[in-house]
Protein backbone atom coordinates (compact mmCIF):
# COMPACT_ATOMS: atom_id res chain seq x y z
CA MET A 1 84.68 97.21 118.02
CA GLY A 2 88.22 98.46 117.71
CA GLU A 3 90.27 101.48 118.40
CA THR A 4 88.61 104.87 118.60
CA SER A 5 89.95 107.91 116.84
CA GLU A 6 91.23 109.28 120.18
CA ASN A 7 93.40 106.21 120.69
CA ILE A 8 94.67 106.41 117.13
CA SER A 9 95.41 110.13 117.49
CA LYS A 10 97.49 109.37 120.58
CA LYS A 11 99.48 106.84 118.58
CA THR A 12 100.21 109.26 115.77
CA GLU A 13 103.27 111.43 116.07
CA ASN A 14 101.35 114.68 115.64
CA GLU A 15 100.38 115.84 119.14
CA LYS A 16 98.55 118.95 117.91
CA LYS A 17 95.20 117.12 117.58
CA ASN A 18 95.41 117.63 113.83
CA SER A 19 92.69 115.25 112.66
CA GLY A 20 92.96 116.56 109.10
CA SER A 21 96.57 115.53 108.61
CA SER A 22 97.30 112.88 106.03
CA GLU A 23 99.01 110.66 108.59
CA PHE A 24 95.98 110.71 110.88
CA GLN A 25 93.57 110.05 108.00
CA ILE A 26 95.65 107.10 106.80
CA SER A 27 95.65 105.60 110.28
CA ILE A 28 91.86 106.03 110.59
CA PHE A 29 91.32 104.45 107.15
CA THR A 30 93.60 101.55 108.08
CA GLN A 31 91.63 100.84 111.26
CA ARG A 32 88.32 101.00 109.38
CA ILE A 33 89.69 98.69 106.68
CA LYS A 34 90.70 96.16 109.34
CA ASN A 35 87.23 96.31 110.91
CA LEU A 36 85.47 95.88 107.57
CA THR A 37 87.74 92.98 106.65
CA GLU A 38 86.79 91.19 109.86
CA HIS A 39 83.11 91.89 109.15
CA LEU A 40 83.40 90.45 105.63
CA LYS A 41 84.99 87.25 106.92
CA SER A 42 81.73 86.39 108.65
CA ASN A 43 79.38 88.05 106.11
CA LYS A 44 80.71 86.89 102.77
CA LYS A 45 77.71 88.02 100.72
CA ASP A 46 77.64 91.61 101.99
CA ASN A 47 78.49 93.31 98.72
CA ASN A 48 77.62 96.83 99.88
CA THR A 49 80.21 96.62 102.62
CA ARG A 50 82.70 95.17 100.14
CA ARG A 51 82.14 98.19 97.89
CA GLY A 52 82.72 100.55 100.82
CA LEU A 53 85.89 98.66 101.67
CA MET A 54 87.21 99.06 98.14
CA LYS A 55 86.48 102.80 98.25
CA LEU A 56 88.37 103.12 101.54
CA VAL A 57 91.33 101.20 100.14
CA GLY A 58 91.39 103.55 97.15
CA LYS A 59 91.28 106.64 99.37
CA ARG A 60 94.10 105.32 101.52
CA LYS A 61 96.15 104.50 98.44
CA LYS A 62 95.73 108.05 97.12
CA LEU A 63 96.71 109.56 100.47
CA LEU A 64 99.76 107.29 100.71
CA SER A 65 100.91 108.31 97.25
CA TYR A 66 100.44 111.98 98.21
CA VAL A 67 102.52 111.55 101.37
CA LYS A 68 105.18 109.64 99.43
CA LYS A 69 105.38 112.48 96.91
CA LYS A 70 105.69 115.12 99.67
CA SER A 71 108.05 113.33 102.05
CA SER A 72 109.45 109.86 101.61
CA ASP A 73 110.63 109.81 105.24
CA LYS A 74 107.09 110.33 106.55
CA TYR A 75 105.85 107.70 104.10
CA GLU A 76 108.34 105.14 105.39
CA SER A 77 107.46 105.88 109.01
CA ILE A 78 103.72 105.54 108.31
CA ILE A 79 104.21 102.23 106.51
CA LYS A 80 106.36 100.91 109.34
CA SER A 81 104.08 102.10 112.17
CA LEU A 82 100.87 100.73 110.59
CA GLY A 83 102.40 97.48 109.43
CA LEU A 84 101.55 97.94 105.77
CA ARG A 85 103.48 96.49 102.82
CA ARG A 86 104.87 93.42 104.55
């Protein structure tokens, strides 16, 4: 189905198993967004999933703006590591 949260936590820089950190949450949201996007490619009329996808995108956007406000260096590293904003 995709990467599990354990694999994502290993990829994140924070080795303290801090699943509440903004960086970890953003990476989890990004993986879920990718999975839902793949699902919607084959199920075009699934509007409930589309709504959930839009909510996830909004949550990730808010977290990214929070991280950018706190530390622009962390923001840049997150964007680069997840491949966002091409």
